[in-house]
Amino acid sequence: MQICVLKLSFLLYLTRLV
């Protein structure tokens, strides 16, 4: 479960960078 949240957070972080 935590891994999923971490992945989502990472994706959001990447989107913010772009």
N, C-alpha and C. Protein backbone atom coordinates (compact mmCIF):
# COMPACT_ATOMS: atom_id res chain seq x y z
N MET A 1 0.84 -1.21 0.00
CA MET A 1 0.00 0.00 0.00
C MET A 1 0.87 1.25 0.00
N GLN A 2 1.81 1.29 0.91
CA GLN A 2 2.68 2.47 1.00
C GLN A 2 3.45 2.69 -0.30
N ILE A 3 3.87 1.60 -0.92
CA ILE A 3 4.64 1.70 -2.17
C ILE A 3 3.80 2.41 -3.24
N CYS A 4 2.52 2.09 -3.27
CA CYS A 4 1.63 2.70 -4.27
C CYS A 4 1.58 4.22 -4.05
N VAL A 5 1.42 4.61 -2.81
CA VAL A 5 1.36 6.05 -2.49
C VAL A 5 2.68 6.71 -2.86
N LEU A 6 3.75 6.04 -2.58
CA LEU A 6 5.07 6.60 -2.89
C LEU A 6 5.21 6.79 -4.40
N LYS A 7 4.75 5.80 -5.14
CA LYS A 7 4.83 5.88 -6.60
C LYS A 7 4.00 7.06 -7.11
N LEU A 8 2.83 7.21 -6.56
CA LEU A 8 1.94 8.31 -6.97
C LEU A 8 2.59 9.65 -6.65
N SER A 9 3.16 9.73 -5.48
CA SER A 9 3.83 10.97 -5.07
C SER A 9 4.98 11.29 -6.02
N PHE A 10 5.73 10.26 -6.38
CA PHE A 10 6.85 10.44 -7.28
C PHE A 10 6.37 10.94 -8.64
N LEU A 11 5.29 10.36 -9.11
CA LEU A 11 4.71 10.76 -10.40
C LEU A 11 4.28 12.23 -10.35
N LEU A 12 3.65 12.59 -9.27
CA LEU A 12 3.19 13.98 -9.11
C LEU A 12 4.39 14.92 -9.09
N TYR A 13 5.44 14.50 -8.39
CA TYR A 13 6.66 15.31 -8.31
C TYR A 13 7.26 15.52 -9.71
N LEU A 14 7.28 14.47 -10.49
CA LEU A 14 7.82 14.55 -11.85
C LEU A 14 6.98 15.49 -12.69
N THR A 15 5.68 15.37 -12.56
CA THR A 15 4.77 16.23 -13.33
C THR A 15 4.99 17.68 -12.97
N ARG A 16 5.27 17.92 -11.71
CA ARG A 16 5.50 19.31 -11.27
C ARG A 16 6.81 19.85 -11.86
N LEU A 17 7.77 19.00 -11.96
CA LEU A 17 9.07 19.41 -12.52
C LEU A 17 8.93 19.78 -13.99
N VAL A 18 8.16 18.98 -14.69
CA VAL A 18 8.02 19.21 -16.14
C VAL A 18 7.36 20.54 -16.40
